[in-house]
């Protein structure tokens, strides 16, 4: 069972309350060509069946991981592929903000 209530995650995602302070996650998101609106859309579509595991690390908040297939919204001149994504995050600020730890293609 996930540590964080999925409805809290979806609410924060829809409000674009998403941070990703780590350099690696920033690079991975940039390499995918994703913007905040894409992260928001993807995270707001998470389902319970996408949940994989909760990780507990010493001196850190629990982290939930999800595997999801997501297709960015296409533009008039570009058809976007479906990305199979590995997403790992925790909720901060009283479960009001999503802090992304990992966001990349599955391996």
N, C-alpha and C. Protein backbone atom coordinates (compact mmCIF):
# COMPACT_ATOMS: atom_id res chain seq x y z
N UNK A 1 0.84 -1.18 0.00
CA UNK A 1 0.00 0.00 0.00
C UNK A 1 0.89 1.25 0.00
N UNK A 2 0.51 2.22 -0.77
CA UNK A 2 1.28 3.45 -0.90
C UNK A 2 1.28 4.24 0.41
N UNK A 3 2.37 4.92 0.67
CA UNK A 3 2.49 5.77 1.85
C UNK A 3 1.59 6.99 1.74
N UNK A 4 1.51 7.55 0.54
CA UNK A 4 0.79 8.81 0.34
C UNK A 4 -0.55 8.57 -0.34
N UNK A 5 -1.57 9.23 0.17
CA UNK A 5 -2.92 9.10 -0.38
C UNK A 5 -2.92 9.62 -1.81
N UNK A 6 -3.39 8.79 -2.72
CA UNK A 6 -3.36 9.14 -4.14
C UNK A 6 -4.18 10.39 -4.43
N UNK A 7 -5.24 10.62 -3.70
CA UNK A 7 -6.04 11.82 -3.93
C UNK A 7 -5.26 13.08 -3.56
N UNK A 8 -4.41 13.02 -2.52
CA UNK A 8 -3.54 14.15 -2.17
C UNK A 8 -2.52 14.39 -3.28
N UNK A 9 -1.99 13.31 -3.83
CA UNK A 9 -1.02 13.41 -4.92
C UNK A 9 -1.67 14.06 -6.14
N UNK A 10 -2.83 13.59 -6.50
CA UNK A 10 -3.54 14.11 -7.68
C UNK A 10 -3.90 15.58 -7.49
N UNK A 11 -4.35 15.93 -6.29
CA UNK A 11 -4.70 17.33 -6.01
C UNK A 11 -3.48 18.24 -6.15
N UNK A 12 -2.36 17.83 -5.57
CA UNK A 12 -1.13 18.62 -5.68
C UNK A 12 -0.68 18.71 -7.14
N UNK A 13 -0.79 17.61 -7.87
CA UNK A 13 -0.38 17.60 -9.28
C UNK A 13 -1.22 18.56 -10.10
N UNK A 14 -2.52 18.53 -9.91
CA UNK A 14 -3.41 19.43 -10.67
C UNK A 14 -3.13 20.90 -10.38
N UNK A 15 -2.66 21.18 -9.17
CA UNK A 15 -2.32 22.55 -8.79
C UNK A 15 -0.87 22.90 -9.15
N UNK A 16 -0.19 21.98 -9.82
CA UNK A 16 1.21 22.12 -10.23
C UNK A 16 2.12 22.39 -9.05
N UNK A 17 1.81 21.79 -7.91
CA UNK A 17 2.66 21.91 -6.73
C UNK A 17 3.65 20.75 -6.76
N UNK A 18 4.65 20.91 -7.62
CA UNK A 18 5.63 19.86 -7.89
C UNK A 18 7.01 20.50 -7.86
N UNK A 19 7.92 19.90 -7.10
CA UNK A 19 9.31 20.36 -7.09
C UNK A 19 10.20 19.17 -7.42
N UNK A 20 11.36 19.47 -7.99
CA UNK A 20 12.33 18.42 -8.31
C UNK A 20 13.73 19.01 -8.17
N UNK A 21 14.19 19.07 -6.90
CA UNK A 21 15.44 19.77 -6.61
C UNK A 21 16.72 19.03 -7.03
N UNK A 22 16.68 17.74 -7.20
CA UNK A 22 17.89 17.00 -7.55
C UNK A 22 18.33 17.22 -8.98
N UNK A 23 19.65 17.30 -9.19
CA UNK A 23 20.17 17.53 -10.53
C UNK A 23 19.84 16.40 -11.50
N UNK A 24 19.90 15.17 -11.02
CA UNK A 24 19.64 14.03 -11.91
C UNK A 24 18.18 14.03 -12.38
N UNK A 25 17.25 14.24 -11.47
CA UNK A 25 15.84 14.25 -11.87
C UNK A 25 15.56 15.44 -12.78
N UNK A 26 16.21 16.58 -12.54
CA UNK A 26 16.05 17.73 -13.43
C UNK A 26 16.54 17.38 -14.84
N UNK A 27 17.70 16.74 -14.91
CA UNK A 27 18.26 16.35 -16.21
C UNK A 27 17.37 15.34 -16.92
N UNK A 28 16.88 14.35 -16.18
CA UNK A 28 16.02 13.32 -16.78
C UNK A 28 14.73 13.94 -17.34
N UNK A 29 14.13 14.85 -16.60
CA UNK A 29 12.91 15.52 -17.07
C UNK A 29 13.20 16.35 -18.31
N UNK A 30 14.30 17.07 -18.28
CA UNK A 30 14.70 17.90 -19.43
C UNK A 30 14.95 17.01 -20.65
N UNK A 31 15.64 15.87 -20.46
CA UNK A 31 15.93 14.97 -21.58
C UNK A 31 14.67 14.37 -22.19
N UNK A 32 13.63 14.20 -21.39
CA UNK A 32 12.35 13.71 -21.91
C UNK A 32 11.59 14.81 -22.66
N UNK A 33 12.03 16.06 -22.48
CA UNK A 33 11.33 17.18 -23.11
C UNK A 33 10.06 17.55 -22.37
N UNK A 34 9.98 17.19 -21.09
CA UNK A 34 8.79 17.48 -20.30
C UNK A 34 8.90 18.86 -19.65
N UNK A 35 7.76 19.50 -19.53
CA UNK A 35 7.64 20.76 -18.81
C UNK A 35 6.74 20.53 -17.61
N UNK A 36 6.58 21.56 -16.78
CA UNK A 36 5.76 21.43 -15.58
C UNK A 36 4.34 20.97 -15.92
N UNK A 37 3.78 21.47 -17.01
CA UNK A 37 2.42 21.07 -17.39
C UNK A 37 2.34 19.58 -17.72
N UNK A 38 3.42 19.02 -18.29
CA UNK A 38 3.46 17.59 -18.59
C UNK A 38 3.57 16.77 -17.30
N UNK A 39 4.40 17.22 -16.38
CA UNK A 39 4.53 16.54 -15.09
C UNK A 39 3.19 16.55 -14.37
N UNK A 40 2.54 17.71 -14.37
CA UNK A 40 1.25 17.86 -13.71
C UNK A 40 0.22 16.91 -14.32
N UNK A 41 0.16 16.86 -15.63
CA UNK A 41 -0.80 16.00 -16.32
C UNK A 41 -0.51 14.53 -16.03
N UNK A 42 0.74 14.14 -16.12
CA UNK A 42 1.13 12.75 -15.88
C UNK A 42 0.80 12.33 -14.45
N UNK A 43 1.21 13.11 -13.47
CA UNK A 43 1.00 12.75 -12.07
C UNK A 43 -0.48 12.77 -11.69
N UNK A 44 -1.25 13.63 -12.32
CA UNK A 44 -2.68 13.69 -12.00
C UNK A 44 -3.44 12.49 -12.56
N UNK A 45 -2.78 11.71 -13.43
CA UNK A 45 -3.41 10.52 -14.01
C UNK A 45 -2.99 9.21 -13.32
N UNK A 46 -2.18 9.31 -12.27
CA UNK A 46 -1.76 8.10 -11.58
C UNK A 46 -2.96 7.33 -11.05
N UNK A 47 -2.83 6.00 -11.09
CA UNK A 47 -3.88 5.12 -10.56
C UNK A 47 -3.25 4.20 -9.51
N UNK A 48 -4.09 3.66 -8.65
CA UNK A 48 -3.59 2.74 -7.63
C UNK A 48 -2.86 1.56 -8.25
N UNK A 49 -3.31 1.12 -9.40
CA UNK A 49 -2.68 -0.04 -10.05
C UNK A 49 -1.28 0.28 -10.58
N UNK A 50 -0.91 1.57 -10.66
CA UNK A 50 0.43 1.97 -11.10
C UNK A 50 1.46 1.87 -9.98
N UNK A 51 0.98 1.80 -8.73
CA UNK A 51 1.87 1.77 -7.56
C UNK A 51 2.69 0.48 -7.55
N UNK A 52 3.98 0.61 -7.20
CA UNK A 52 4.85 -0.55 -7.12
C UNK A 52 5.35 -0.81 -5.71
N UNK A 53 5.88 0.22 -5.03
CA UNK A 53 6.55 -0.03 -3.76
C UNK A 53 6.78 1.27 -3.01
N UNK A 54 6.82 1.18 -1.68
CA UNK A 54 7.25 2.30 -0.84
C UNK A 54 8.65 1.98 -0.34
N UNK A 55 9.54 2.96 -0.49
CA UNK A 55 10.91 2.82 0.00
C UNK A 55 11.05 3.63 1.27
N UNK A 56 11.70 3.05 2.28
CA UNK A 56 11.98 3.77 3.52
C UNK A 56 13.49 3.83 3.69
N UNK A 57 14.02 5.05 3.70
CA UNK A 57 15.45 5.27 3.84
C UNK A 57 15.71 5.94 5.19
N UNK A 58 16.85 5.67 5.82
CA UNK A 58 17.16 6.32 7.09
C UNK A 58 17.19 7.84 6.94
N UNK A 59 16.68 8.53 7.94
CA UNK A 59 16.70 10.00 7.98
C UNK A 59 16.06 10.65 6.75
N UNK A 60 15.02 10.04 6.23
CA UNK A 60 14.35 10.57 5.04
C UNK A 60 12.87 10.21 5.09
N UNK A 61 12.08 10.98 4.38
CA UNK A 61 10.66 10.65 4.26
C UNK A 61 10.49 9.39 3.42
N UNK A 62 9.42 8.63 3.65
CA UNK A 62 9.14 7.48 2.77
C UNK A 62 8.91 7.97 1.34
N UNK A 63 9.26 7.13 0.39
CA UNK A 63 9.16 7.46 -1.03
C UNK A 63 8.35 6.37 -1.72
N UNK A 64 7.32 6.78 -2.46
CA UNK A 64 6.50 5.84 -3.23
C UNK A 64 7.01 5.79 -4.66
N UNK A 65 6.99 4.58 -5.24
CA UNK A 65 7.33 4.53 -6.67
C UNK A 65 6.19 3.92 -7.47
N UNK A 66 6.06 4.46 -8.67
CA UNK A 66 5.01 4.10 -9.61
C UNK A 66 5.64 3.85 -10.97
N UNK A 67 5.03 2.96 -11.74
CA UNK A 67 5.39 2.75 -13.14
C UNK A 67 4.13 3.00 -13.95
N UNK A 68 4.24 3.89 -14.93
CA UNK A 68 3.06 4.34 -15.66
C UNK A 68 3.40 4.56 -17.13
N UNK A 69 2.45 4.33 -18.00
CA UNK A 69 2.58 4.69 -19.41
C UNK A 69 1.89 6.03 -19.59
N UNK A 70 2.60 6.96 -20.23
CA UNK A 70 2.07 8.31 -20.39
C UNK A 70 2.43 8.85 -21.76
N UNK A 71 1.46 9.51 -22.38
CA UNK A 71 1.70 10.16 -23.67
C UNK A 71 1.46 11.65 -23.50
N UNK A 72 2.52 12.43 -23.75
CA UNK A 72 2.36 13.89 -23.70
C UNK A 72 1.30 14.31 -24.70
N UNK A 73 0.65 15.41 -24.41
CA UNK A 73 -0.34 15.93 -25.36
C UNK A 73 0.37 16.36 -26.63
N UNK A 74 -0.12 15.87 -27.74
CA UNK A 74 0.49 16.17 -29.03
C UNK A 74 0.19 17.60 -29.44
N UNK A 75 1.12 18.16 -30.20
CA UNK A 75 0.89 19.47 -30.80
C UNK A 75 0.43 19.25 -32.23
N UNK A 76 0.05 20.31 -32.88
CA UNK A 76 -0.48 20.21 -34.24
C UNK A 76 0.52 19.58 -35.20
N UNK A 77 1.82 19.82 -34.97
CA UNK A 77 2.83 19.32 -35.90
C UNK A 77 3.68 18.18 -35.34
N UNK A 78 3.29 17.66 -34.18
CA UNK A 78 4.11 16.61 -33.57
C UNK A 78 3.23 15.57 -32.86
N UNK A 79 3.43 14.31 -33.19
CA UNK A 79 2.77 13.21 -32.49
C UNK A 79 3.74 12.69 -31.44
N UNK A 80 3.34 12.68 -30.20
CA UNK A 80 4.22 12.27 -29.11
C UNK A 80 4.13 10.77 -28.86
N UNK A 81 5.27 10.14 -28.56
CA UNK A 81 5.25 8.71 -28.27
C UNK A 81 4.70 8.44 -26.87
N UNK A 82 4.35 7.20 -26.62
CA UNK A 82 3.96 6.79 -25.27
C UNK A 82 5.25 6.46 -24.52
N UNK A 83 5.43 7.09 -23.37
CA UNK A 83 6.60 6.84 -22.54
C UNK A 83 6.22 5.94 -21.37
N UNK A 84 7.01 4.90 -21.14
CA UNK A 84 6.85 4.06 -19.96
C UNK A 84 7.79 4.63 -18.90
N UNK A 85 7.19 5.20 -17.85
CA UNK A 85 7.94 5.99 -16.89
C UNK A 85 8.04 5.34 -15.52
N UNK A 86 9.18 5.52 -14.90
CA UNK A 86 9.40 5.16 -13.50
C UNK A 86 9.40 6.47 -12.73
N UNK A 87 8.51 6.58 -11.76
CA UNK A 87 8.33 7.82 -11.00
C UNK A 87 8.46 7.50 -9.52
N UNK A 88 9.30 8.27 -8.84
CA UNK A 88 9.48 8.08 -7.40
C UNK A 88 9.37 9.45 -6.74
N UNK A 89 8.56 9.54 -5.69
CA UNK A 89 8.33 10.84 -5.05
C UNK A 89 7.95 10.68 -3.59
N UNK A 90 8.05 11.81 -2.88
CA UNK A 90 7.49 11.92 -1.54
C UNK A 90 6.61 13.17 -1.52
N UNK A 91 5.83 13.29 -0.49
CA UNK A 91 4.98 14.47 -0.31
C UNK A 91 5.58 15.30 0.82
N UNK A 92 5.69 16.61 0.61
CA UNK A 92 6.26 17.50 1.61
C UNK A 92 5.26 18.62 1.93
N UNK A 93 5.63 19.44 2.89
CA UNK A 93 4.79 20.57 3.31
C UNK A 93 3.37 20.12 3.67
N UNK A 94 3.29 19.13 4.55
CA UNK A 94 1.98 18.65 4.99
C UNK A 94 1.19 17.98 3.89
N UNK A 95 1.89 17.24 3.03
CA UNK A 95 1.26 16.53 1.90
C UNK A 95 0.61 17.46 0.89
N UNK A 96 1.14 18.68 0.77
CA UNK A 96 0.60 19.64 -0.19
C UNK A 96 1.45 19.76 -1.45
N UNK A 97 2.70 19.28 -1.40
CA UNK A 97 3.64 19.44 -2.51
C UNK A 97 4.29 18.09 -2.81
N UNK A 98 4.41 17.78 -4.10
CA UNK A 98 5.08 16.56 -4.56
C UNK A 98 6.55 16.89 -4.78
N UNK A 99 7.44 16.13 -4.15
CA UNK A 99 8.87 16.26 -4.42
C UNK A 99 9.31 15.04 -5.22
N UNK A 100 9.62 15.26 -6.49
CA UNK A 100 10.06 14.16 -7.35
C UNK A 100 11.50 13.77 -7.01
N UNK A 101 11.72 12.48 -6.87
CA UNK A 101 13.05 11.94 -6.61
C UNK A 101 13.59 11.30 -7.89
N UNK A 102 12.72 10.61 -8.63
CA UNK A 102 13.08 10.01 -9.92
C UNK A 102 11.92 10.21 -10.89
N UNK A 103 12.26 10.44 -12.15
CA UNK A 103 11.26 10.58 -13.20
C UNK A 103 11.98 10.31 -14.51
N UNK A 104 11.94 9.05 -14.95
CA UNK A 104 12.67 8.67 -16.17
C UNK A 104 12.00 7.47 -16.82
N UNK A 105 12.47 7.13 -18.01
CA UNK A 105 11.97 5.95 -18.70
C UNK A 105 12.32 4.71 -17.89
N UNK A 106 11.44 3.71 -17.93
CA UNK A 106 11.74 2.46 -17.24
C UNK A 106 12.94 1.80 -17.90
N UNK A 107 13.64 1.00 -17.14
CA UNK A 107 14.85 0.35 -17.68
C UNK A 107 14.68 -1.13 -17.72
